N, C-alpha and C. Protein backbone atom coordinates (compact mmCIF):
# COMPACT_ATOMS: atom_id res chain seq x y z
N MET A 1 -17.56 -8.11 -8.39
CA MET A 1 -16.91 -6.81 -8.35
C MET A 1 -17.13 -6.17 -6.97
N THR A 2 -16.07 -5.58 -6.44
CA THR A 2 -16.12 -4.94 -5.13
C THR A 2 -16.86 -3.62 -5.23
N THR A 3 -17.72 -3.37 -4.24
CA THR A 3 -18.38 -2.09 -4.15
C THR A 3 -17.38 -1.08 -3.61
N LYS A 4 -17.26 0.05 -4.31
CA LYS A 4 -16.31 1.07 -3.89
C LYS A 4 -16.88 1.92 -2.77
N THR A 5 -16.01 2.36 -1.89
CA THR A 5 -16.36 3.36 -0.89
C THR A 5 -16.28 4.71 -1.58
N VAL A 6 -17.35 5.47 -1.52
CA VAL A 6 -17.41 6.76 -2.21
C VAL A 6 -17.23 7.88 -1.19
N ILE A 7 -16.31 8.78 -1.49
CA ILE A 7 -16.04 9.94 -0.65
C ILE A 7 -16.41 11.18 -1.45
N ASN A 8 -17.38 11.94 -0.96
CA ASN A 8 -17.81 13.16 -1.63
C ASN A 8 -17.42 14.43 -0.88
N ASN A 9 -17.09 14.29 0.41
CA ASN A 9 -16.75 15.47 1.21
C ASN A 9 -15.90 15.04 2.39
N TYR A 10 -15.43 16.01 3.14
CA TYR A 10 -14.54 15.73 4.27
C TYR A 10 -15.24 14.91 5.36
N ASP A 11 -16.52 15.17 5.58
CA ASP A 11 -17.25 14.42 6.60
C ASP A 11 -17.31 12.93 6.28
N ASP A 12 -17.31 12.59 4.99
CA ASP A 12 -17.27 11.17 4.63
C ASP A 12 -16.02 10.51 5.20
N PHE A 13 -14.88 11.20 5.13
CA PHE A 13 -13.65 10.67 5.74
C PHE A 13 -13.78 10.61 7.26
N ARG A 14 -14.29 11.66 7.85
CA ARG A 14 -14.43 11.69 9.31
C ARG A 14 -15.28 10.53 9.82
N ARG A 15 -16.33 10.18 9.10
CA ARG A 15 -17.20 9.05 9.49
C ARG A 15 -16.47 7.71 9.41
N LEU A 16 -15.43 7.65 8.61
CA LEU A 16 -14.69 6.39 8.43
C LEU A 16 -13.52 6.24 9.40
N GLU A 17 -13.25 7.27 10.19
CA GLU A 17 -12.11 7.20 11.10
C GLU A 17 -12.22 5.98 12.00
N GLY A 18 -11.14 5.19 12.06
CA GLY A 18 -11.11 3.97 12.85
C GLY A 18 -11.63 2.74 12.14
N GLN A 19 -12.12 2.90 10.92
CA GLN A 19 -12.70 1.78 10.18
C GLN A 19 -11.77 1.29 9.08
N GLN A 20 -11.86 -0.01 8.82
CA GLN A 20 -11.12 -0.59 7.69
C GLN A 20 -11.85 -0.22 6.41
N ILE A 21 -11.12 0.30 5.44
CA ILE A 21 -11.73 0.69 4.17
C ILE A 21 -11.19 -0.11 2.99
N ILE A 22 -10.05 -0.77 3.16
CA ILE A 22 -9.46 -1.55 2.08
C ILE A 22 -9.18 -2.96 2.57
N ASP A 23 -9.59 -3.93 1.79
CA ASP A 23 -9.23 -5.34 1.95
C ASP A 23 -9.12 -5.85 0.53
N SER A 24 -7.95 -5.69 -0.04
CA SER A 24 -7.78 -5.89 -1.49
C SER A 24 -7.84 -7.35 -1.89
N ASP A 25 -8.01 -7.55 -3.17
CA ASP A 25 -7.82 -8.87 -3.74
C ASP A 25 -6.34 -9.21 -3.65
N PRO A 26 -6.00 -10.50 -3.55
CA PRO A 26 -4.58 -10.87 -3.50
C PRO A 26 -3.85 -10.50 -4.80
N ILE A 27 -2.62 -10.05 -4.63
CA ILE A 27 -1.75 -9.78 -5.77
C ILE A 27 -0.61 -10.79 -5.69
N GLU A 28 -0.41 -11.53 -6.77
CA GLU A 28 0.68 -12.50 -6.81
C GLU A 28 1.98 -11.78 -7.13
N ILE A 29 2.98 -12.05 -6.34
CA ILE A 29 4.29 -11.44 -6.51
C ILE A 29 5.09 -12.29 -7.51
N THR A 30 5.54 -11.65 -8.58
CA THR A 30 6.29 -12.35 -9.63
C THR A 30 7.70 -11.80 -9.73
N SER A 31 8.60 -12.60 -10.26
CA SER A 31 9.97 -12.12 -10.47
C SER A 31 9.96 -10.97 -11.48
N GLU A 32 9.08 -11.03 -12.48
CA GLU A 32 9.00 -9.96 -13.46
C GLU A 32 8.57 -8.64 -12.81
N GLY A 33 7.58 -8.70 -11.91
CA GLY A 33 7.13 -7.50 -11.21
C GLY A 33 8.23 -6.92 -10.33
N ILE A 34 8.92 -7.78 -9.60
CA ILE A 34 10.03 -7.34 -8.75
C ILE A 34 11.11 -6.71 -9.61
N GLN A 35 11.47 -7.37 -10.69
CA GLN A 35 12.58 -6.88 -11.51
C GLN A 35 12.21 -5.62 -12.29
N ASP A 36 10.96 -5.49 -12.71
CA ASP A 36 10.52 -4.22 -13.33
C ASP A 36 10.67 -3.08 -12.33
N PHE A 37 10.25 -3.32 -11.09
CA PHE A 37 10.38 -2.31 -10.04
C PHE A 37 11.86 -1.97 -9.82
N CYS A 38 12.69 -3.00 -9.76
CA CYS A 38 14.12 -2.79 -9.53
C CYS A 38 14.77 -2.01 -10.68
N ARG A 39 14.34 -2.28 -11.90
CA ARG A 39 14.87 -1.51 -13.04
C ARG A 39 14.55 -0.03 -12.86
N GLY A 40 13.33 0.26 -12.45
CA GLY A 40 12.90 1.64 -12.29
C GLY A 40 13.60 2.36 -11.15
N THR A 41 14.12 1.61 -10.19
CA THR A 41 14.78 2.22 -9.03
C THR A 41 16.30 1.97 -9.05
N LEU A 42 16.79 1.41 -10.14
CA LEU A 42 18.22 1.13 -10.32
C LEU A 42 18.78 0.23 -9.21
N ASN A 43 17.98 -0.72 -8.79
CA ASN A 43 18.34 -1.64 -7.72
C ASN A 43 18.83 -2.94 -8.35
N ASP A 44 20.12 -3.20 -8.25
CA ASP A 44 20.67 -4.41 -8.87
C ASP A 44 21.17 -5.43 -7.85
N GLU A 45 20.65 -5.37 -6.62
CA GLU A 45 21.06 -6.35 -5.62
C GLU A 45 20.69 -7.76 -6.08
N TRP A 46 21.59 -8.69 -5.88
CA TRP A 46 21.40 -10.06 -6.36
C TRP A 46 20.14 -10.72 -5.79
N ILE A 47 19.71 -10.31 -4.59
CA ILE A 47 18.54 -10.95 -3.96
C ILE A 47 17.24 -10.69 -4.71
N HIS A 48 17.29 -9.76 -5.67
CA HIS A 48 16.11 -9.46 -6.49
C HIS A 48 16.24 -10.02 -7.91
N TRP A 49 17.41 -10.57 -8.25
CA TRP A 49 17.68 -10.96 -9.63
C TRP A 49 18.13 -12.41 -9.82
N ASP A 50 18.92 -12.93 -8.92
CA ASP A 50 19.61 -14.20 -9.13
C ASP A 50 18.88 -15.35 -8.44
N GLN A 51 17.98 -16.00 -9.16
CA GLN A 51 17.16 -17.08 -8.61
C GLN A 51 18.04 -18.22 -8.08
N GLU A 52 19.05 -18.60 -8.83
CA GLU A 52 19.91 -19.72 -8.45
C GLU A 52 20.63 -19.42 -7.12
N ARG A 53 21.19 -18.24 -7.03
CA ARG A 53 21.90 -17.84 -5.81
C ARG A 53 20.93 -17.74 -4.62
N CYS A 54 19.72 -17.23 -4.87
CA CYS A 54 18.72 -17.13 -3.80
C CYS A 54 18.29 -18.51 -3.31
N GLU A 55 18.13 -19.45 -4.23
CA GLU A 55 17.73 -20.81 -3.85
C GLU A 55 18.79 -21.45 -2.96
N ALA A 56 20.05 -21.13 -3.19
CA ALA A 56 21.14 -21.69 -2.39
C ALA A 56 21.32 -20.96 -1.06
N SER A 57 20.62 -19.87 -0.88
CA SER A 57 20.73 -19.07 0.34
C SER A 57 19.56 -19.37 1.28
N PRO A 58 19.59 -18.83 2.49
CA PRO A 58 18.43 -18.99 3.39
C PRO A 58 17.16 -18.33 2.85
N LEU A 59 17.28 -17.42 1.86
CA LEU A 59 16.11 -16.76 1.30
C LEU A 59 15.21 -17.74 0.56
N GLY A 60 15.81 -18.66 -0.17
CA GLY A 60 15.06 -19.68 -0.89
C GLY A 60 14.51 -19.25 -2.23
N SER A 61 14.37 -17.95 -2.43
CA SER A 61 13.83 -17.43 -3.69
C SER A 61 14.14 -15.94 -3.77
N ILE A 62 13.93 -15.38 -4.93
CA ILE A 62 14.06 -13.94 -5.11
C ILE A 62 13.08 -13.25 -4.17
N ILE A 63 13.53 -12.14 -3.56
CA ILE A 63 12.64 -11.41 -2.65
C ILE A 63 12.36 -10.01 -3.19
N ALA A 64 11.24 -9.48 -2.78
CA ALA A 64 10.83 -8.13 -3.17
C ALA A 64 11.62 -7.10 -2.36
N PRO A 65 11.98 -5.97 -2.97
CA PRO A 65 12.62 -4.89 -2.22
C PRO A 65 11.66 -4.32 -1.17
N GLY A 66 12.21 -3.65 -0.18
CA GLY A 66 11.41 -3.11 0.91
C GLY A 66 10.33 -2.14 0.49
N LEU A 67 10.58 -1.36 -0.56
CA LEU A 67 9.58 -0.37 -0.99
C LEU A 67 8.60 -0.92 -2.02
N PHE A 68 8.73 -2.18 -2.38
CA PHE A 68 7.87 -2.78 -3.40
C PHE A 68 6.40 -2.83 -2.95
N LEU A 69 6.14 -3.31 -1.75
CA LEU A 69 4.75 -3.42 -1.30
C LEU A 69 4.08 -2.06 -1.17
N PRO A 70 4.72 -1.06 -0.53
CA PRO A 70 4.08 0.26 -0.50
C PRO A 70 3.78 0.80 -1.90
N ALA A 71 4.62 0.46 -2.87
CA ALA A 71 4.38 0.92 -4.24
C ALA A 71 3.14 0.27 -4.86
N LEU A 72 2.73 -0.88 -4.35
CA LEU A 72 1.52 -1.55 -4.84
C LEU A 72 0.24 -0.96 -4.26
N PHE A 73 0.38 -0.22 -3.16
CA PHE A 73 -0.82 0.23 -2.46
C PHE A 73 -1.76 1.11 -3.30
N PRO A 74 -1.28 2.06 -4.10
CA PRO A 74 -2.24 2.85 -4.89
C PRO A 74 -3.17 1.99 -5.75
N HIS A 75 -2.65 0.92 -6.32
CA HIS A 75 -3.49 0.00 -7.10
C HIS A 75 -4.59 -0.60 -6.22
N MET A 76 -4.19 -1.06 -5.04
CA MET A 76 -5.15 -1.66 -4.11
C MET A 76 -6.19 -0.62 -3.67
N PHE A 77 -5.73 0.60 -3.41
CA PHE A 77 -6.58 1.69 -2.93
C PHE A 77 -7.64 2.05 -3.97
N TRP A 78 -7.22 2.31 -5.19
CA TRP A 78 -8.16 2.81 -6.20
C TRP A 78 -9.12 1.73 -6.70
N GLN A 79 -8.83 0.47 -6.46
CA GLN A 79 -9.80 -0.58 -6.77
C GLN A 79 -11.03 -0.48 -5.87
N GLN A 80 -10.86 0.08 -4.67
CA GLN A 80 -11.94 0.06 -3.70
C GLN A 80 -12.42 1.44 -3.26
N MET A 81 -11.79 2.49 -3.77
CA MET A 81 -12.15 3.85 -3.35
C MET A 81 -12.52 4.71 -4.56
N GLU A 82 -13.49 5.58 -4.35
CA GLU A 82 -13.83 6.63 -5.32
C GLU A 82 -13.87 7.93 -4.53
N ILE A 83 -12.96 8.83 -4.83
CA ILE A 83 -12.86 10.08 -4.07
C ILE A 83 -13.19 11.24 -5.00
N ASN A 84 -14.25 11.94 -4.66
CA ASN A 84 -14.75 13.05 -5.47
C ASN A 84 -14.41 14.39 -4.82
N ILE A 85 -13.15 14.55 -4.50
CA ILE A 85 -12.63 15.81 -3.96
C ILE A 85 -11.63 16.31 -4.98
N PRO A 86 -11.71 17.60 -5.35
CA PRO A 86 -10.93 18.10 -6.49
C PRO A 86 -9.42 17.89 -6.42
N ARG A 87 -8.82 18.08 -5.23
CA ARG A 87 -7.35 18.02 -5.17
C ARG A 87 -6.91 16.98 -4.14
N ILE A 88 -5.97 16.15 -4.58
CA ILE A 88 -5.40 15.10 -3.73
C ILE A 88 -3.89 15.11 -3.95
N ILE A 89 -3.15 15.01 -2.87
CA ILE A 89 -1.70 14.86 -2.99
C ILE A 89 -1.24 13.89 -1.91
N VAL A 90 -0.28 13.05 -2.26
CA VAL A 90 0.33 12.17 -1.27
C VAL A 90 1.38 12.99 -0.53
N LYS A 91 1.21 13.14 0.77
CA LYS A 91 2.18 13.89 1.59
C LYS A 91 3.36 13.03 1.99
N GLY A 92 3.14 11.74 2.11
CA GLY A 92 4.26 10.89 2.49
C GLY A 92 3.85 9.52 2.96
N ILE A 93 4.86 8.74 3.25
CA ILE A 93 4.67 7.40 3.81
C ILE A 93 5.57 7.34 5.04
N ASP A 94 4.97 7.10 6.20
CA ASP A 94 5.71 7.02 7.45
C ASP A 94 5.81 5.59 7.94
N ARG A 95 6.81 5.35 8.71
CA ARG A 95 6.95 4.12 9.48
C ARG A 95 6.80 2.85 8.66
N ILE A 96 7.48 2.77 7.56
CA ILE A 96 7.47 1.52 6.79
C ILE A 96 8.29 0.49 7.57
N ARG A 97 7.67 -0.65 7.82
CA ARG A 97 8.37 -1.73 8.51
C ARG A 97 8.18 -3.01 7.72
N ILE A 98 9.29 -3.64 7.40
CA ILE A 98 9.26 -4.94 6.72
C ILE A 98 9.38 -5.99 7.82
N LEU A 99 8.37 -6.83 7.96
CA LEU A 99 8.34 -7.81 9.04
C LEU A 99 8.73 -9.20 8.59
N LYS A 100 8.54 -9.47 7.29
CA LYS A 100 8.85 -10.80 6.77
C LYS A 100 9.17 -10.66 5.28
N PRO A 101 10.22 -11.33 4.80
CA PRO A 101 10.53 -11.24 3.36
C PRO A 101 9.37 -11.74 2.50
N VAL A 102 9.19 -11.05 1.39
CA VAL A 102 8.15 -11.44 0.42
C VAL A 102 8.86 -12.04 -0.78
N THR A 103 8.61 -13.31 -1.02
CA THR A 103 9.29 -14.03 -2.10
C THR A 103 8.37 -14.19 -3.31
N VAL A 104 8.99 -14.52 -4.42
CA VAL A 104 8.25 -14.80 -5.65
C VAL A 104 7.24 -15.91 -5.38
N GLY A 105 6.04 -15.72 -5.87
CA GLY A 105 4.97 -16.69 -5.69
C GLY A 105 4.05 -16.35 -4.52
N SER A 106 4.49 -15.45 -3.64
CA SER A 106 3.63 -15.03 -2.53
C SER A 106 2.42 -14.29 -3.08
N LYS A 107 1.32 -14.40 -2.37
CA LYS A 107 0.13 -13.61 -2.68
C LYS A 107 -0.10 -12.67 -1.52
N ILE A 108 -0.18 -11.37 -1.84
CA ILE A 108 -0.26 -10.34 -0.81
C ILE A 108 -1.59 -9.60 -0.91
N VAL A 109 -2.19 -9.36 0.25
CA VAL A 109 -3.42 -8.58 0.37
C VAL A 109 -3.06 -7.29 1.10
N GLY A 110 -3.61 -6.18 0.62
CA GLY A 110 -3.44 -4.90 1.31
C GLY A 110 -4.68 -4.57 2.10
N ARG A 111 -4.47 -4.12 3.32
CA ARG A 111 -5.59 -3.70 4.18
C ARG A 111 -5.29 -2.30 4.71
N ALA A 112 -6.32 -1.48 4.78
CA ALA A 112 -6.13 -0.11 5.25
C ALA A 112 -7.25 0.31 6.17
N VAL A 113 -6.87 1.04 7.21
CA VAL A 113 -7.80 1.64 8.16
C VAL A 113 -7.58 3.15 8.09
N VAL A 114 -8.66 3.92 8.15
CA VAL A 114 -8.52 5.36 8.28
C VAL A 114 -8.11 5.60 9.73
N ASP A 115 -6.83 5.85 9.93
CA ASP A 115 -6.28 5.97 11.28
C ASP A 115 -6.68 7.29 11.93
N LYS A 116 -6.52 8.38 11.19
CA LYS A 116 -6.95 9.68 11.73
C LYS A 116 -7.19 10.66 10.60
N VAL A 117 -8.05 11.62 10.89
CA VAL A 117 -8.40 12.69 9.95
C VAL A 117 -8.10 14.00 10.66
N LEU A 118 -7.22 14.79 10.08
CA LEU A 118 -6.81 16.05 10.71
C LEU A 118 -7.26 17.22 9.86
N ASP A 119 -7.87 18.21 10.51
CA ASP A 119 -8.25 19.44 9.81
C ASP A 119 -7.00 20.27 9.56
N ARG A 120 -6.94 20.87 8.40
CA ARG A 120 -5.84 21.76 8.02
C ARG A 120 -6.43 23.11 7.63
N ASP A 121 -5.57 24.13 7.47
CA ASP A 121 -6.06 25.46 7.07
C ASP A 121 -6.95 25.35 5.84
N GLN A 122 -6.52 24.53 4.92
CA GLN A 122 -7.34 24.23 3.74
C GLN A 122 -7.45 22.71 3.66
N GLY A 123 -8.66 22.22 3.72
CA GLY A 123 -8.89 20.79 3.54
C GLY A 123 -8.55 19.95 4.76
N ILE A 124 -8.24 18.69 4.50
CA ILE A 124 -7.95 17.74 5.56
C ILE A 124 -6.73 16.90 5.18
N GLU A 125 -6.19 16.24 6.20
CA GLU A 125 -5.10 15.29 6.02
C GLU A 125 -5.60 13.96 6.57
N VAL A 126 -5.46 12.91 5.78
CA VAL A 126 -5.93 11.59 6.19
C VAL A 126 -4.73 10.65 6.32
N HIS A 127 -4.65 10.00 7.48
CA HIS A 127 -3.59 9.01 7.73
C HIS A 127 -4.21 7.63 7.61
N TYR A 128 -3.63 6.82 6.75
CA TYR A 128 -4.10 5.45 6.53
C TYR A 128 -3.10 4.48 7.15
N ALA A 129 -3.55 3.63 8.05
CA ALA A 129 -2.71 2.57 8.61
C ALA A 129 -2.83 1.36 7.68
N ILE A 130 -1.71 1.02 7.04
CA ILE A 130 -1.71 -0.02 6.02
C ILE A 130 -1.01 -1.27 6.54
N SER A 131 -1.55 -2.41 6.23
CA SER A 131 -0.84 -3.67 6.46
C SER A 131 -0.90 -4.49 5.18
N PHE A 132 0.21 -5.12 4.90
CA PHE A 132 0.33 -6.02 3.76
C PHE A 132 0.48 -7.42 4.35
N VAL A 133 -0.46 -8.30 4.03
CA VAL A 133 -0.46 -9.63 4.65
C VAL A 133 -0.40 -10.71 3.58
N PHE A 134 0.16 -11.84 3.97
CA PHE A 134 0.18 -13.00 3.09
C PHE A 134 -1.22 -13.60 3.04
N ALA A 135 -1.76 -13.75 1.85
CA ALA A 135 -3.13 -14.23 1.68
C ALA A 135 -3.33 -15.63 2.24
N ASP A 136 -2.31 -16.48 2.15
CA ASP A 136 -2.48 -17.87 2.59
C ASP A 136 -2.38 -18.06 4.10
N SER A 137 -1.60 -17.22 4.78
CA SER A 137 -1.39 -17.43 6.22
C SER A 137 -1.92 -16.28 7.09
N ASN A 138 -2.25 -15.17 6.47
CA ASN A 138 -2.69 -13.96 7.18
C ASN A 138 -1.58 -13.35 8.04
N GLU A 139 -0.34 -13.77 7.83
CA GLU A 139 0.80 -13.17 8.53
C GLU A 139 1.10 -11.82 7.90
N THR A 140 1.53 -10.89 8.71
CA THR A 140 1.85 -9.56 8.21
C THR A 140 3.26 -9.53 7.63
N ALA A 141 3.35 -9.07 6.40
CA ALA A 141 4.65 -8.93 5.73
C ALA A 141 5.25 -7.55 5.96
N ALA A 142 4.41 -6.51 5.98
CA ALA A 142 4.89 -5.14 6.14
C ALA A 142 3.75 -4.25 6.61
N VAL A 143 4.12 -3.14 7.22
CA VAL A 143 3.15 -2.12 7.64
C VAL A 143 3.69 -0.75 7.27
N ALA A 144 2.79 0.19 7.12
CA ALA A 144 3.19 1.57 6.81
C ALA A 144 2.01 2.49 7.12
N THR A 145 2.31 3.77 7.21
CA THR A 145 1.27 4.79 7.33
C THR A 145 1.36 5.69 6.11
N PHE A 146 0.29 5.75 5.34
CA PHE A 146 0.22 6.65 4.18
C PHE A 146 -0.51 7.91 4.61
N ILE A 147 -0.03 9.06 4.15
CA ILE A 147 -0.65 10.33 4.50
C ILE A 147 -1.01 11.05 3.21
N ASN A 148 -2.31 11.32 3.05
CA ASN A 148 -2.81 12.05 1.89
C ASN A 148 -3.44 13.36 2.35
N ARG A 149 -3.35 14.35 1.51
CA ARG A 149 -3.97 15.65 1.76
C ARG A 149 -5.06 15.85 0.71
N TYR A 150 -6.22 16.30 1.15
CA TYR A 150 -7.38 16.53 0.28
C TYR A 150 -7.86 17.95 0.50
N TRP A 151 -8.13 18.67 -0.59
CA TRP A 151 -8.67 20.02 -0.48
C TRP A 151 -9.32 20.43 -1.79
N GLY A 152 -9.96 21.57 -1.76
CA GLY A 152 -10.56 22.08 -2.97
C GLY A 152 -12.08 22.14 -2.94
N LEU A 153 -12.68 21.74 -1.83
CA LEU A 153 -14.14 21.85 -1.70
C LEU A 153 -14.48 23.25 -1.17
N ASP A 154 -15.68 23.70 -1.44
CA ASP A 154 -16.11 25.02 -0.99
C ASP A 154 -16.12 25.13 0.53
N ASP A 155 -16.28 23.99 1.23
CA ASP A 155 -16.36 24.03 2.70
C ASP A 155 -14.98 23.98 3.36
N ALA A 156 -13.90 24.13 2.57
CA ALA A 156 -12.54 24.04 3.12
C ALA A 156 -12.21 25.26 3.96
């Protein structure tokens, strides 16, 4: 079992600035996972559904939609983080870049660095530099910046 990084106050985040905090276990990408995601987003593009057509194409297999990997990140994050700050909100995801198609059967690892910690009128804003890499080759499949806001401590 992975030891979680525990955050009890804003200074805990500040101490982690520039450090990697997430190196997740590999997640196997399945057609069922891709298609469940596509159902939820009303995405009916053939490249996510039609295995036969994908095999006949340069894709070779069903591929994950561009927003699929960022949607997996909260799972990867909470496996390795414990945050004891009363209020948390996701402010956004910036600069999502898909660098290589992710096909069924791929195993993906999520990695995150605390890129920067910004003081706000109330609380802090934390920017996480995320990379999603293929577990077998260590090639990067996608990158993104997640931005979370934390507040609610007496020292805010």
